[in-house]
Amino acid sequence: MSLTAQQKDELIDQYVDLHVDSMDHKDLVQFVSLTLKEDYHNLSDEELQCEIECTHDEDLYKELVDNVTSTMQTFIPGFHD
């Protein structure tokens, strides 16, 4: 069966509603997380920076960059006390 563009859009809308209604909170969080990661991986470094700064602020971008570029020290219980 061939659908018009409008019919296909309506079919997709209905199916998405059913699909989302059948998902629990954990499924929704997992889906959104995977979708966002995929979207962000497709951005250039500059686009990703703009996305973070425009959605949140420049300080968050700097903090996140610092988190992934700084050398992490391993905590050994009793060693640093």
C-alpha atoms as a PDB file:
ATOM      1  CA  MET A   1       0.000   0.000   0.000  1.00  0.00           C
ATOM      2  CA  SER A   2       1.332   3.404  -0.912  1.00  0.00           C
ATOM      3  CA  LEU A   3       0.741   6.228   1.540  1.00  0.00           C
ATOM      4  CA  THR A   4       0.782   9.937   0.918  1.00  0.00           C
ATOM      5  CA  ALA A   5       3.366  11.962   2.815  1.00  0.00           C
ATOM      6  CA  GLN A   6       0.658  13.198   5.193  1.00  0.00           C
ATOM      7  CA  GLN A   7      -0.657   9.661   5.783  1.00  0.00           C
ATOM      8  CA  LYS A   8       2.860   8.405   6.472  1.00  0.00           C
ATOM      9  CA  ASP A   9       3.417  11.252   8.959  1.00  0.00           C
ATOM     10  CA  GLU A  10       0.166  10.392  10.751  1.00  0.00           C
ATOM     11  CA  LEU A  11       1.035   6.675  10.816  1.00  0.00           C
ATOM     12  CA  ILE A  12       4.462   7.476  12.277  1.00  0.00           C
ATOM     13  CA  ASP A  13       2.933   9.791  14.888  1.00  0.00           C
ATOM     14  CA  GLN A  14       0.498   7.091  15.992  1.00  0.00           C
ATOM     15  CA  TYR A  15       3.193   4.403  16.090  1.00  0.00           C
ATOM     16  CA  VAL A  16       5.559   6.635  18.076  1.00  0.00           C
ATOM     17  CA  ASP A  17       2.789   7.343  20.599  1.00  0.00           C
ATOM     18  CA  LEU A  18       2.190   3.601  21.025  1.00  0.00           C
ATOM     19  CA  HIS A  19       5.885   2.845  21.253  1.00  0.00           C
ATOM     20  CA  VAL A  20       6.551   5.556  23.862  1.00  0.00           C
ATOM     21  CA  ASP A  21       3.483   4.533  25.888  1.00  0.00           C
ATOM     22  CA  SER A  22       4.866   0.997  26.095  1.00  0.00           C
ATOM     23  CA  MET A  23       8.235   2.145  27.465  1.00  0.00           C
ATOM     24  CA  ASP A  24       9.010   2.390  31.148  1.00  0.00           C
ATOM     25  CA  HIS A  25      11.110   5.168  32.686  1.00  0.00           C
ATOM     26  CA  LYS A  26      14.363   3.202  32.361  1.00  0.00           C
ATOM     27  CA  ASP A  27      13.696   2.509  28.659  1.00  0.00           C
ATOM     28  CA  LEU A  28      12.943   6.182  28.009  1.00  0.00           C
ATOM     29  CA  VAL A  29      16.116   7.358  29.752  1.00  0.00           C
ATOM     30  CA  GLN A  30      18.201   4.805  27.855  1.00  0.00           C
ATOM     31  CA  PHE A  31      16.657   5.788  24.516  1.00  0.00           C
ATOM     32  CA  VAL A  32      17.127   9.519  25.078  1.00  0.00           C
ATOM     33  CA  SER A  33      20.711   8.989  26.274  1.00  0.00           C
ATOM     34  CA  LEU A  34      21.640   6.917  23.222  1.00  0.00           C
ATOM     35  CA  THR A  35      19.928   9.347  20.860  1.00  0.00           C
ATOM     36  CA  LEU A  36      21.680  12.363  22.366  1.00  0.00           C
ATOM     37  CA  LYS A  37      25.073  10.632  22.321  1.00  0.00           C
ATOM     38  CA  GLU A  38      24.610   9.750  18.666  1.00  0.00           C
ATOM     39  CA  ASP A  39      23.516  13.299  17.835  1.00  0.00           C
ATOM     40  CA  TYR A  40      26.463  14.827  19.696  1.00  0.00           C
ATOM     41  CA  HIS A  41      28.977  12.453  18.076  1.00  0.00           C
ATOM     42  CA  ASN A  42      27.834  13.778  14.702  1.00  0.00           C
ATOM     43  CA  LEU A  43      28.725  17.366  15.647  1.00  0.00           C
ATOM     44  CA  SER A  44      32.085  19.008  15.012  1.00  0.00           C
ATOM     45  CA  ASP A  45      34.052  20.113  18.079  1.00  0.00           C
ATOM     46  CA  GLU A  46      32.907  23.687  17.493  1.00  0.00           C
ATOM     47  CA  GLU A  47      29.266  22.664  17.098  1.00  0.00           C
ATOM     48  CA  LEU A  48      29.439  20.605  20.289  1.00  0.00           C
ATOM     49  CA  GLN A  49      30.942  23.527  22.174  1.00  0.00           C
ATOM     50  CA  CYS A  50      28.191  25.826  20.897  1.00  0.00           C
ATOM     51  CA  GLU A  51      25.506  23.261  21.819  1.00  0.00           C
ATOM     52  CA  ILE A  52      26.771  23.038  25.404  1.00  0.00           C
ATOM     53  CA  GLU A  53      27.318  26.767  25.823  1.00  0.00           C
ATOM     54  CA  CYS A  54      23.987  27.717  24.246  1.00  0.00           C
ATOM     55  CA  THR A  55      22.031  25.137  26.239  1.00  0.00           C
ATOM     56  CA  HIS A  56      23.820  25.709  29.537  1.00  0.00           C
ATOM     57  CA  ASP A  57      26.751  28.122  29.746  1.00  0.00           C
ATOM     58  CA  GLU A  58      30.404  28.644  28.904  1.00  0.00           C
ATOM     59  CA  ASP A  59      31.504  27.612  32.395  1.00  0.00           C
ATOM     60  CA  LEU A  60      29.959  24.163  32.007  1.00  0.00           C
ATOM     61  CA  TYR A  61      31.794  23.585  28.739  1.00  0.00           C
ATOM     62  CA  LYS A  62      35.097  24.596  30.364  1.00  0.00           C
ATOM     63  CA  GLU A  63      34.397  22.331  33.352  1.00  0.00           C
ATOM     64  CA  LEU A  64      33.579  19.351  31.130  1.00  0.00           C
ATOM     65  CA  VAL A  65      36.716  19.905  29.039  1.00  0.00           C
ATOM     66  CA  ASP A  66      38.735  20.101  32.239  1.00  0.00           C
ATOM     67  CA  ASN A  67      37.146  16.854  33.453  1.00  0.00           C
ATOM     68  CA  VAL A  68      38.210  14.937  30.359  1.00  0.00           C
ATOM     69  CA  THR A  69      41.640  16.515  29.886  1.00  0.00           C
ATOM     70  CA  SER A  70      42.991  16.601  33.438  1.00  0.00           C
ATOM     71  CA  THR A  71      44.984  13.694  34.797  1.00  0.00           C
ATOM     72  CA  MET A  72      42.895  11.757  37.256  1.00  0.00           C
ATOM     73  CA  GLN A  73      44.598  10.605  40.429  1.00  0.00           C
ATOM     74  CA  THR A  74      43.666   7.158  41.626  1.00  0.00           C
ATOM     75  CA  PHE A  75      42.381   7.116  45.177  1.00  0.00           C
ATOM     76  CA  ILE A  76      43.924   4.376  47.239  1.00  0.00           C
ATOM     77  CA  PRO A  77      42.254   4.081  50.669  1.00  0.00           C
ATOM     78  CA  GLY A  78      44.754   4.753  53.433  1.00  0.00           C
ATOM     79  CA  PHE A  79      47.462   6.003  51.045  1.00  0.00           C
ATOM     80  CA  HIS A  80      46.378   9.640  50.892  1.00  0.00           C
ATOM     81  CA  ASP A  81      45.272   9.912  54.523  1.00  0.00           C
END
